[in-house]
Amino acid sequence: MKTLGLDLSLTSSGFCLLDGSSITIETIKTTPKTADNDLARLAHIRIAIMERIPSDVDMICVEDFFAPFGPAAGSAIGLAMLGAVIRVALWEATMPFYVVSPSQLKKWVLGKGVGEKSLVLREVYRKLGVSATNDNEADACVLAHIAKDLLTGVKEEWAAYRKDVIEKIAKERPHYNTQRKDTGDA
């Protein structure tokens, strides 16, 4: 089983591929100088991500973006653009994926939907045995595990919060190319 987690960022996108007992985790870095303009930079990130995804990936989870207000609102627009570009690329490649909220990601690993990035990093190491080098990689790792859980289905022995997260994602979150009969998704 191959599952993938993507934590998208204009500067440091987290990428985590679980392939059986093997894990590939990395950060895809860019700066405004990576490309001639903002659209070229988005294309660069899209290409970098898509060329790393195996064609036989079973499930992908992408962290949803949020809309901050104030000074951070401008960067949120760029992040939303990147999120849309990657989602369209995954959809066009008919790769199955879910969009997971930041609070669901945190609840899966922390037991609650809020917490500092450093806590997520710590719990990824403690619970999953993965030494992520930054919070983007840690988030991507959690997303890859959520993708795995979505494929295997809820297990009785899981903590209640983990069951709750997977059940809600499966029922309520946007998903594409997953062939779920209850939604008519194709």
N, C-alpha and C. Protein backbone atom coordinates (compact mmCIF):
# COMPACT_ATOMS: atom_id res chain seq x y z
N MET A 1 0.84 -1.17 0.00
CA MET A 1 0.00 0.00 0.00
C MET A 1 0.89 1.24 0.00
N LYS A 2 0.58 2.18 -0.90
CA LYS A 2 1.33 3.43 -0.99
C LYS A 2 0.39 4.58 -0.67
N THR A 3 0.76 5.35 0.36
CA THR A 3 -0.03 6.53 0.72
C THR A 3 0.90 7.73 0.81
N LEU A 4 0.31 8.90 0.57
CA LEU A 4 1.11 10.11 0.47
C LEU A 4 0.44 11.23 1.25
N GLY A 5 1.26 12.05 1.91
CA GLY A 5 0.80 13.26 2.56
C GLY A 5 1.50 14.46 1.97
N LEU A 6 0.71 15.54 1.72
CA LEU A 6 1.26 16.78 1.19
C LEU A 6 0.86 17.94 2.07
N ASP A 7 1.84 18.66 2.59
CA ASP A 7 1.61 19.91 3.32
C ASP A 7 2.19 21.01 2.44
N LEU A 8 1.30 21.68 1.73
CA LEU A 8 1.73 22.63 0.71
C LEU A 8 2.16 23.97 1.29
N SER A 9 3.21 24.52 0.69
CA SER A 9 3.74 25.81 1.09
C SER A 9 4.47 26.41 -0.11
N LEU A 10 4.44 27.73 -0.22
CA LEU A 10 5.18 28.37 -1.30
C LEU A 10 6.69 28.30 -1.08
N THR A 11 7.12 28.13 0.16
CA THR A 11 8.55 28.09 0.44
C THR A 11 9.08 26.71 0.79
N SER A 12 8.26 25.89 1.48
CA SER A 12 8.74 24.60 1.98
C SER A 12 7.60 23.60 2.05
N SER A 13 7.28 22.96 0.94
CA SER A 13 6.21 21.96 0.93
C SER A 13 6.72 20.65 1.52
N GLY A 14 5.94 20.11 2.47
CA GLY A 14 6.28 18.82 3.05
C GLY A 14 5.71 17.70 2.19
N PHE A 15 6.51 16.65 1.99
CA PHE A 15 6.15 15.51 1.15
C PHE A 15 6.49 14.25 1.93
N CYS A 16 5.52 13.35 2.11
CA CYS A 16 5.79 12.09 2.81
C CYS A 16 5.09 10.95 2.09
N LEU A 17 5.86 9.97 1.65
CA LEU A 17 5.35 8.79 0.97
C LEU A 17 5.59 7.57 1.85
N LEU A 18 4.50 6.88 2.19
CA LEU A 18 4.60 5.60 2.89
C LEU A 18 4.41 4.50 1.86
N ASP A 19 5.36 3.59 1.79
CA ASP A 19 5.31 2.47 0.85
C ASP A 19 5.64 1.21 1.63
N GLY A 20 4.58 0.57 2.16
CA GLY A 20 4.81 -0.57 3.04
C GLY A 20 5.52 -0.09 4.30
N SER A 21 6.68 -0.66 4.57
CA SER A 21 7.44 -0.25 5.76
C SER A 21 8.46 0.84 5.44
N SER A 22 8.53 1.27 4.19
CA SER A 22 9.46 2.30 3.76
C SER A 22 8.80 3.68 3.82
N ILE A 23 9.59 4.69 4.15
CA ILE A 23 9.08 6.06 4.20
C ILE A 23 10.06 6.99 3.48
N THR A 24 9.50 7.86 2.65
CA THR A 24 10.28 8.92 1.98
C THR A 24 9.69 10.23 2.47
N ILE A 25 10.52 11.03 3.09
CA ILE A 25 10.06 12.30 3.62
C ILE A 25 11.04 13.39 3.21
N GLU A 26 10.50 14.49 2.68
CA GLU A 26 11.37 15.56 2.24
C GLU A 26 10.63 16.89 2.21
N THR A 27 11.41 17.94 2.05
CA THR A 27 10.88 19.29 1.90
C THR A 27 11.23 19.79 0.52
N ILE A 28 10.23 20.27 -0.20
CA ILE A 28 10.44 20.85 -1.52
C ILE A 28 10.50 22.36 -1.33
N LYS A 29 11.69 22.94 -1.49
CA LYS A 29 11.91 24.36 -1.19
C LYS A 29 11.92 25.21 -2.45
N THR A 30 11.34 26.41 -2.31
CA THR A 30 11.42 27.42 -3.37
C THR A 30 11.51 28.80 -2.72
N THR A 31 11.92 29.75 -3.52
CA THR A 31 11.92 31.16 -3.12
C THR A 31 11.31 31.95 -4.28
N PRO A 32 11.01 33.22 -4.09
CA PRO A 32 10.53 34.00 -5.23
C PRO A 32 11.51 34.01 -6.40
N LYS A 33 12.78 33.77 -6.13
CA LYS A 33 13.79 33.76 -7.19
C LYS A 33 13.88 32.42 -7.92
N THR A 34 13.11 31.41 -7.46
CA THR A 34 13.12 30.10 -8.10
C THR A 34 12.63 30.18 -9.54
N ALA A 35 11.72 31.10 -9.79
CA ALA A 35 11.13 31.23 -11.13
C ALA A 35 10.96 32.71 -11.48
N ASP A 36 10.67 32.97 -12.74
CA ASP A 36 10.56 34.35 -13.23
C ASP A 36 9.37 35.12 -12.67
N ASN A 37 8.28 34.42 -12.34
CA ASN A 37 7.09 35.09 -11.82
C ASN A 37 6.29 34.13 -10.95
N ASP A 38 5.21 34.61 -10.37
CA ASP A 38 4.45 33.79 -9.44
C ASP A 38 3.82 32.56 -10.10
N LEU A 39 3.35 32.68 -11.33
CA LEU A 39 2.76 31.52 -12.00
C LEU A 39 3.83 30.48 -12.35
N ALA A 40 4.99 30.93 -12.76
CA ALA A 40 6.09 30.01 -13.05
C ALA A 40 6.53 29.29 -11.77
N ARG A 41 6.48 29.99 -10.65
CA ARG A 41 6.84 29.36 -9.37
C ARG A 41 5.81 28.29 -9.01
N LEU A 42 4.53 28.58 -9.19
CA LEU A 42 3.49 27.57 -8.93
C LEU A 42 3.69 26.36 -9.82
N ALA A 43 4.00 26.59 -11.09
CA ALA A 43 4.25 25.48 -12.02
C ALA A 43 5.47 24.66 -11.58
N HIS A 44 6.49 25.35 -11.12
CA HIS A 44 7.71 24.66 -10.64
C HIS A 44 7.37 23.73 -9.46
N ILE A 45 6.60 24.23 -8.51
CA ILE A 45 6.22 23.41 -7.35
C ILE A 45 5.35 22.24 -7.80
N ARG A 46 4.39 22.51 -8.69
CA ARG A 46 3.51 21.43 -9.19
C ARG A 46 4.33 20.34 -9.84
N ILE A 47 5.26 20.70 -10.70
CA ILE A 47 6.10 19.71 -11.37
C ILE A 47 6.93 18.93 -10.36
N ALA A 48 7.53 19.63 -9.41
CA ALA A 48 8.36 18.96 -8.39
C ALA A 48 7.56 17.95 -7.59
N ILE A 49 6.32 18.29 -7.27
CA ILE A 49 5.48 17.37 -6.50
C ILE A 49 5.01 16.21 -7.37
N MET A 50 4.47 16.51 -8.52
CA MET A 50 3.89 15.47 -9.37
C MET A 50 4.92 14.45 -9.84
N GLU A 51 6.17 14.88 -10.09
CA GLU A 51 7.18 13.93 -10.55
C GLU A 51 7.64 12.99 -9.43
N ARG A 52 7.34 13.33 -8.17
CA ARG A 52 7.72 12.48 -7.05
C ARG A 52 6.64 11.45 -6.70
N ILE A 53 5.43 11.65 -7.18
CA ILE A 53 4.32 10.77 -6.80
C ILE A 53 4.32 9.54 -7.71
N PRO A 54 4.40 8.34 -7.12
CA PRO A 54 4.33 7.14 -7.95
C PRO A 54 2.95 7.02 -8.59
N SER A 55 2.91 6.53 -9.81
CA SER A 55 1.63 6.43 -10.53
C SER A 55 0.67 5.45 -9.86
N ASP A 56 1.20 4.54 -9.06
CA ASP A 56 0.34 3.55 -8.41
C ASP A 56 0.04 3.89 -6.94
N VAL A 57 0.10 5.18 -6.60
CA VAL A 57 -0.22 5.60 -5.23
C VAL A 57 -1.68 5.23 -4.95
N ASP A 58 -1.95 4.72 -3.76
CA ASP A 58 -3.29 4.27 -3.39
C ASP A 58 -4.17 5.39 -2.83
N MET A 59 -3.57 6.32 -2.09
CA MET A 59 -4.35 7.41 -1.50
C MET A 59 -3.41 8.54 -1.12
N ILE A 60 -3.93 9.77 -1.28
CA ILE A 60 -3.19 10.98 -0.95
C ILE A 60 -4.06 11.83 -0.04
N CYS A 61 -3.45 12.46 0.95
CA CYS A 61 -4.14 13.47 1.75
C CYS A 61 -3.36 14.78 1.63
N VAL A 62 -4.11 15.84 1.34
CA VAL A 62 -3.55 17.18 1.18
C VAL A 62 -4.13 18.04 2.30
N GLU A 63 -3.27 18.76 3.00
CA GLU A 63 -3.79 19.65 4.04
C GLU A 63 -4.52 20.82 3.39
N ASP A 64 -5.69 21.10 3.93
CA ASP A 64 -6.48 22.22 3.44
C ASP A 64 -5.82 23.52 3.85
N PHE A 65 -6.08 24.59 3.11
CA PHE A 65 -5.56 25.89 3.49
C PHE A 65 -6.58 26.59 4.38
N PHE A 66 -6.11 27.57 5.08
CA PHE A 66 -6.98 28.37 5.94
C PHE A 66 -6.81 29.82 5.51
N ALA A 67 -7.74 30.66 5.94
CA ALA A 67 -7.72 32.05 5.50
C ALA A 67 -7.40 32.99 6.66
N PRO A 68 -6.12 33.28 6.88
CA PRO A 68 -5.77 34.23 7.94
C PRO A 68 -6.15 35.66 7.52
N PHE A 69 -6.34 36.48 8.51
CA PHE A 69 -6.68 37.87 8.24
C PHE A 69 -5.49 38.74 8.61
N GLY A 70 -5.54 40.00 8.23
CA GLY A 70 -4.47 40.93 8.57
C GLY A 70 -3.31 40.80 7.61
N PRO A 71 -2.09 41.02 8.11
CA PRO A 71 -0.91 41.04 7.24
C PRO A 71 -0.66 39.71 6.52
N ALA A 72 -1.10 38.60 7.09
CA ALA A 72 -0.85 37.29 6.47
C ALA A 72 -1.81 36.96 5.34
N ALA A 73 -2.84 37.79 5.14
CA ALA A 73 -3.84 37.50 4.11
C ALA A 73 -3.23 37.43 2.72
N GLY A 74 -2.25 38.25 2.42
CA GLY A 74 -1.61 38.23 1.10
C GLY A 74 -0.93 36.91 0.81
N SER A 75 -0.22 36.37 1.77
CA SER A 75 0.44 35.08 1.56
C SER A 75 -0.58 33.95 1.47
N ALA A 76 -1.74 34.13 2.12
CA ALA A 76 -2.78 33.11 2.05
C ALA A 76 -3.32 32.98 0.63
N ILE A 77 -3.34 34.07 -0.11
CA ILE A 77 -3.81 34.02 -1.50
C ILE A 77 -2.87 33.14 -2.33
N GLY A 78 -1.58 33.33 -2.16
CA GLY A 78 -0.60 32.49 -2.87
C GLY A 78 -0.73 31.03 -2.49
N LEU A 79 -0.95 30.76 -1.21
CA LEU A 79 -1.11 29.39 -0.75
C LEU A 79 -2.39 28.77 -1.32
N ALA A 80 -3.46 29.55 -1.38
CA ALA A 80 -4.70 29.05 -1.98
C ALA A 80 -4.50 28.75 -3.46
N MET A 81 -3.75 29.60 -4.14
CA MET A 81 -3.46 29.35 -5.55
C MET A 81 -2.67 28.05 -5.71
N LEU A 82 -1.66 27.84 -4.86
CA LEU A 82 -0.87 26.61 -4.93
C LEU A 82 -1.76 25.40 -4.64
N GLY A 83 -2.60 25.51 -3.62
CA GLY A 83 -3.49 24.40 -3.29
C GLY A 83 -4.39 24.03 -4.45
N ALA A 84 -4.92 25.03 -5.13
CA ALA A 84 -5.80 24.77 -6.28
C ALA A 84 -5.01 24.13 -7.43
N VAL A 85 -3.81 24.62 -7.69
CA VAL A 85 -2.98 24.07 -8.77
C VAL A 85 -2.67 22.60 -8.51
N ILE A 86 -2.31 22.27 -7.28
CA ILE A 86 -1.96 20.88 -6.95
C ILE A 86 -3.20 19.99 -7.00
N ARG A 87 -4.32 20.47 -6.48
CA ARG A 87 -5.55 19.67 -6.51
C ARG A 87 -5.97 19.37 -7.94
N VAL A 88 -5.90 20.36 -8.82
CA VAL A 88 -6.26 20.14 -10.22
C VAL A 88 -5.29 19.13 -10.85
N ALA A 89 -4.00 19.23 -10.56
CA ALA A 89 -3.02 18.29 -11.12
C ALA A 89 -3.31 16.86 -10.64
N LEU A 90 -3.62 16.69 -9.36
CA LEU A 90 -3.95 15.36 -8.85
C LEU A 90 -5.22 14.84 -9.48
N TRP A 91 -6.22 15.71 -9.60
CA TRP A 91 -7.49 15.32 -10.20
C TRP A 91 -7.31 14.91 -11.66
N GLU A 92 -6.56 15.72 -12.42
CA GLU A 92 -6.32 15.40 -13.83
C GLU A 92 -5.54 14.10 -14.00
N ALA A 93 -4.67 13.79 -13.05
CA ALA A 93 -3.90 12.55 -13.10
C ALA A 93 -4.71 11.37 -12.54
N THR A 94 -5.95 11.61 -12.19
CA THR A 94 -6.88 10.64 -11.58
C THR A 94 -6.29 9.94 -10.35
N MET A 95 -5.55 10.71 -9.57
CA MET A 95 -5.01 10.18 -8.32
C MET A 95 -6.03 10.42 -7.21
N PRO A 96 -6.28 9.42 -6.38
CA PRO A 96 -7.29 9.58 -5.32
C PRO A 96 -6.76 10.44 -4.18
N PHE A 97 -7.57 11.42 -3.76
CA PHE A 97 -7.11 12.26 -2.65
C PHE A 97 -8.26 12.85 -1.86
N TYR A 98 -7.95 13.10 -0.60
CA TYR A 98 -8.83 13.80 0.34
C TYR A 98 -8.17 15.11 0.73
N VAL A 99 -8.98 16.08 1.09
CA VAL A 99 -8.50 17.35 1.61
C VAL A 99 -8.81 17.34 3.11
N VAL A 100 -7.79 17.45 3.93
CA VAL A 100 -7.89 17.31 5.38
C VAL A 100 -7.68 18.67 6.05
N SER A 101 -8.55 19.02 6.98
CA SER A 101 -8.41 20.31 7.66
C SER A 101 -7.22 20.27 8.62
N PRO A 102 -6.60 21.43 8.87
CA PRO A 102 -5.49 21.49 9.83
C PRO A 102 -5.89 20.98 11.22
N SER A 103 -7.12 21.25 11.65
CA SER A 103 -7.53 20.79 12.98
C SER A 103 -7.70 19.27 13.01
N GLN A 104 -8.12 18.65 11.91
CA GLN A 104 -8.22 17.19 11.87
C GLN A 104 -6.84 16.55 11.90
N LEU A 105 -5.90 17.14 11.20
CA LEU A 105 -4.52 16.66 11.23
C LEU A 105 -3.99 16.68 12.66
N LYS A 106 -4.18 17.79 13.34
CA LYS A 106 -3.69 17.92 14.72
C LYS A 106 -4.41 16.96 15.66
N LYS A 107 -5.71 16.82 15.49
CA LYS A 107 -6.46 15.92 16.36
C LYS A 107 -5.98 14.48 16.19
N TRP A 108 -5.67 14.06 14.96
CA TRP A 108 -5.21 12.70 14.71
C TRP A 108 -3.93 12.41 15.48
N VAL A 109 -3.02 13.37 15.52
CA VAL A 109 -1.72 13.12 16.15
C VAL A 109 -1.66 13.58 17.60
N LEU A 110 -2.42 14.64 17.97
CA LEU A 110 -2.33 15.19 19.33
C LEU A 110 -3.50 14.79 20.22
N GLY A 111 -4.59 14.33 19.62
CA GLY A 111 -5.77 14.00 20.41
C GLY A 111 -6.72 15.17 20.57
N LYS A 112 -6.31 16.32 20.06
CA LYS A 112 -7.16 17.52 20.07
C LYS A 112 -6.81 18.34 18.83
N GLY A 113 -7.72 19.18 18.40
CA GLY A 113 -7.57 19.89 17.14
C GLY A 113 -6.73 21.15 17.17
N VAL A 114 -6.07 21.41 18.28
CA VAL A 114 -5.20 22.58 18.38
C VAL A 114 -3.89 22.16 19.03
N GLY A 115 -2.84 22.92 18.75
CA GLY A 115 -1.55 22.63 19.36
C GLY A 115 -0.43 23.27 18.57
N GLU A 116 0.64 23.54 19.25
CA GLU A 116 1.81 24.15 18.62
C GLU A 116 2.47 23.19 17.63
N LYS A 117 3.11 23.77 16.63
CA LYS A 117 3.81 22.98 15.62
C LYS A 117 4.87 22.08 16.27
N SER A 118 5.51 22.57 17.32
CA SER A 118 6.54 21.77 17.98
C SER A 118 5.95 20.51 18.62
N LEU A 119 4.71 20.57 19.06
CA LEU A 119 4.05 19.39 19.63
C LEU A 119 3.79 18.35 18.55
N VAL A 120 3.37 18.80 17.37
CA VAL A 120 3.15 17.87 16.26
C VAL A 120 4.46 17.20 15.90
N LEU A 121 5.53 17.97 15.79
CA LEU A 121 6.85 17.43 15.47
C LEU A 121 7.26 16.37 16.50
N ARG A 122 7.06 16.68 17.77
CA ARG A 122 7.41 15.74 18.84
C ARG A 122 6.58 14.46 18.76
N GLU A 123 5.28 14.61 18.56
CA GLU A 123 4.39 13.44 18.53
C GLU A 123 4.60 12.57 17.29
N VAL A 124 4.99 13.18 16.19
CA VAL A 124 5.32 12.39 15.00
C VAL A 124 6.51 11.48 15.31
N TYR A 125 7.47 12.00 16.03
CA TYR A 125 8.62 11.17 16.43
C TYR A 125 8.19 10.12 17.47
N ARG A 126 7.46 10.56 18.48
CA ARG A 126 7.08 9.67 19.57
C ARG A 126 6.12 8.56 19.12
N LYS A 127 5.09 8.92 18.36
CA LYS A 127 4.06 7.96 17.99
C LYS A 127 4.36 7.20 16.70
N LEU A 128 5.05 7.85 15.77
CA LEU A 128 5.26 7.23 14.47
C LEU A 128 6.72 6.84 14.22
N GLY A 129 7.62 7.30 15.09
CA GLY A 129 9.03 6.96 14.95
C GLY A 129 9.72 7.66 13.79
N VAL A 130 9.17 8.79 13.37
CA VAL A 130 9.73 9.52 12.22
C VAL A 130 10.39 10.80 12.71
N SER A 131 11.64 11.00 12.31
CA SER A 131 12.37 12.22 12.65
C SER A 131 12.20 13.23 11.52
N ALA A 132 11.12 13.97 11.56
CA ALA A 132 10.90 15.02 10.57
C ALA A 132 11.82 16.19 10.91
N THR A 133 12.34 16.85 9.89
CA THR A 133 13.27 17.95 10.13
C THR A 133 12.57 19.29 10.32
N ASN A 134 11.27 19.35 9.99
CA ASN A 134 10.52 20.59 10.17
C ASN A 134 9.03 20.29 10.27
N ASP A 135 8.23 21.30 10.57
CA ASP A 135 6.80 21.08 10.77
C ASP A 135 6.08 20.71 9.48
N ASN A 136 6.58 21.14 8.33
CA ASN A 136 5.96 20.76 7.05
C ASN A 136 6.10 19.26 6.80
N GLU A 137 7.27 18.72 7.07
CA GLU A 137 7.48 17.28 6.94
C GLU A 137 6.65 16.51 7.96
N ALA A 138 6.56 17.03 9.18
CA ALA A 138 5.77 16.36 10.21
C ALA A 138 4.29 16.31 9.81
N ASP A 139 3.77 17.43 9.33
CA ASP A 139 2.37 17.46 8.87
C ASP A 139 2.16 16.50 7.71
N ALA A 140 3.09 16.46 6.76
CA ALA A 140 2.97 15.55 5.63
C ALA A 140 2.97 14.10 6.10
N CYS A 141 3.78 13.80 7.11
CA CYS A 141 3.83 12.44 7.66
C CYS A 141 2.49 12.05 8.26
N VAL A 142 1.90 12.95 9.03
CA VAL A 142 0.58 12.67 9.62
C VAL A 142 -0.44 12.47 8.50
N LEU A 143 -0.40 13.30 7.48
CA LEU A 143 -1.34 13.18 6.37
C LEU A 143 -1.19 11.84 5.64
N ALA A 144 0.04 11.36 5.47
CA ALA A 144 0.26 10.06 4.83
C ALA A 144 -0.35 8.94 5.68
N HIS A 145 -0.25 9.07 7.00
CA HIS A 145 -0.85 8.06 7.89
C HIS A 145 -2.38 8.15 7.89
N ILE A 146 -2.91 9.35 7.78
CA ILE A 146 -4.36 9.51 7.67
C ILE A 146 -4.84 8.85 6.37
N ALA A 147 -4.10 9.03 5.28
CA ALA A 147 -4.44 8.39 4.01
C ALA A 147 -4.47 6.87 4.16
N LYS A 148 -3.49 6.35 4.89
CA LYS A 148 -3.44 4.90 5.14
C LYS A 148 -4.67 4.46 5.93
N ASP A 149 -5.02 5.23 6.96
CA ASP A 149 -6.21 4.90 7.77
C ASP A 149 -7.49 4.95 6.94
N LEU A 150 -7.57 5.89 6.02
CA LEU A 150 -8.75 5.97 5.16
C LEU A 150 -8.89 4.73 4.29
N LEU A 151 -7.78 4.16 3.89
CA LEU A 151 -7.80 2.94 3.07
C LEU A 151 -8.12 1.71 3.89
N THR A 152 -7.53 1.61 5.07
CA THR A 152 -7.72 0.39 5.87
C THR A 152 -9.02 0.40 6.65
N GLY A 153 -9.58 1.59 6.90
CA GLY A 153 -10.82 1.68 7.67
C GLY A 153 -10.54 1.72 9.16
N VAL A 154 -11.53 2.17 9.91
CA VAL A 154 -11.41 2.35 11.36
C VAL A 154 -11.21 1.00 12.04
N LYS A 155 -10.29 0.98 13.00
CA LYS A 155 -10.00 -0.22 13.78
C LYS A 155 -10.51 -0.04 15.21
N GLU A 156 -11.07 -1.07 15.76
CA GLU A 156 -11.66 -1.01 17.10
C GLU A 156 -10.64 -0.58 18.16
N GLU A 157 -9.39 -0.98 18.01
CA GLU A 157 -8.37 -0.69 19.03
C GLU A 157 -7.85 0.75 19.01
N TRP A 158 -8.23 1.53 18.03
CA TRP A 158 -7.78 2.91 17.96
C TRP A 158 -8.39 3.75 19.06
N ALA A 159 -7.70 4.82 19.41
CA ALA A 159 -8.23 5.81 20.35
C ALA A 159 -9.47 6.45 19.72
N ALA A 160 -10.41 6.87 20.54
CA ALA A 160 -11.68 7.45 20.07
C ALA A 160 -11.44 8.66 19.16
N TYR A 161 -10.46 9.51 19.50
CA TYR A 161 -10.21 10.70 18.69
C TYR A 161 -9.73 10.33 17.29
N ARG A 162 -8.93 9.28 17.17
CA ARG A 162 -8.44 8.84 15.86
C ARG A 162 -9.60 8.30 15.02
N LYS A 163 -10.44 7.50 15.63
CA LYS A 163 -11.63 6.99 14.93
C LYS A 163 -12.49 8.14 14.44
N ASP A 164 -12.71 9.11 15.32
CA ASP A 164 -13.55 10.26 14.99
C ASP A 164 -13.00 11.02 13.79
N VAL A 165 -11.70 11.25 13.77
CA VAL A 165 -11.08 11.99 12.67
C VAL A 165 -11.28 11.25 11.35
N ILE A 166 -10.99 9.96 11.33
CA ILE A 166 -11.09 9.20 10.08
C ILE A 166 -12.54 9.11 9.61
N GLU A 167 -13.47 8.89 10.52
CA GLU A 167 -14.88 8.82 10.14
C GLU A 167 -15.37 10.14 9.56
N LYS A 168 -14.98 11.25 10.19
CA LYS A 168 -15.42 12.57 9.70
C LYS A 168 -14.79 12.92 8.36
N ILE A 169 -13.52 12.61 8.19
CA ILE A 169 -12.87 12.89 6.90
C ILE A 169 -13.58 12.09 5.81
N ALA A 170 -13.81 10.80 6.06
CA ALA A 170 -14.44 9.93 5.05
C ALA A 170 -15.83 10.41 4.67
N LYS A 171 -16.56 10.96 5.63
CA LYS A 171 -17.94 11.36 5.38
C LYS A 171 -18.10 12.82 4.94
N GLU A 172 -17.24 13.70 5.43
CA GLU A 172 -17.51 15.13 5.30
C GLU A 172 -16.51 15.94 4.47
N ARG A 173 -15.31 15.46 4.30
CA ARG A 173 -14.28 16.27 3.64
C ARG A 173 -14.28 16.08 2.13
N PRO A 174 -13.84 17.11 1.39
CA PRO A 174 -13.75 16.96 -0.06
C PRO A 174 -12.81 15.82 -0.44
N HIS A 175 -13.22 15.06 -1.43
CA HIS A 175 -12.39 13.96 -1.92
C HIS A 175 -12.65 13.80 -3.42
N TYR A 176 -11.65 13.30 -4.11
CA TYR A 176 -11.70 13.20 -5.56
C TYR A 176 -11.05 11.90 -6.02
N ASN A 177 -11.60 11.33 -7.07
CA ASN A 177 -11.06 10.09 -7.66
C ASN A 177 -11.01 8.94 -6.67
N THR A 178 -11.91 8.95 -5.69
CA THR A 178 -11.89 7.90 -4.66
C THR A 178 -12.94 6.83 -4.89
N GLN A 179 -13.79 6.99 -5.89
CA GLN A 179 -14.83 6.04 -6.23
C GLN A 179 -15.73 5.66 -5.07
N ARG A 180 -16.05 6.64 -4.26
CA ARG A 180 -16.97 6.39 -3.14
C ARG A 180 -18.39 6.41 -3.66
N LYS A 181 -19.10 5.31 -3.49
CA LYS A 181 -20.45 5.18 -4.02
C LYS A 181 -21.45 6.10 -3.32
N ASP A 182 -21.22 6.41 -2.05
CA ASP A 182 -22.18 7.22 -1.33
C ASP A 182 -22.20 8.68 -1.77
N THR A 183 -21.22 9.10 -2.54
CA THR A 183 -21.16 10.50 -2.96
C THR A 183 -21.30 10.68 -4.46
N GLY A 184 -21.21 9.58 -5.18
CA GLY A 184 -21.24 9.69 -6.63
C GLY A 184 -19.93 10.20 -7.19
N ASP A 185 -18.90 10.29 -6.37
CA ASP A 185 -17.58 10.77 -6.79
C ASP A 185 -16.96 9.77 -7.77
N ALA A 186 -16.38 10.28 -8.81
CA ALA A 186 -15.77 9.39 -9.81
C ALA A 186 -14.28 9.64 -9.93
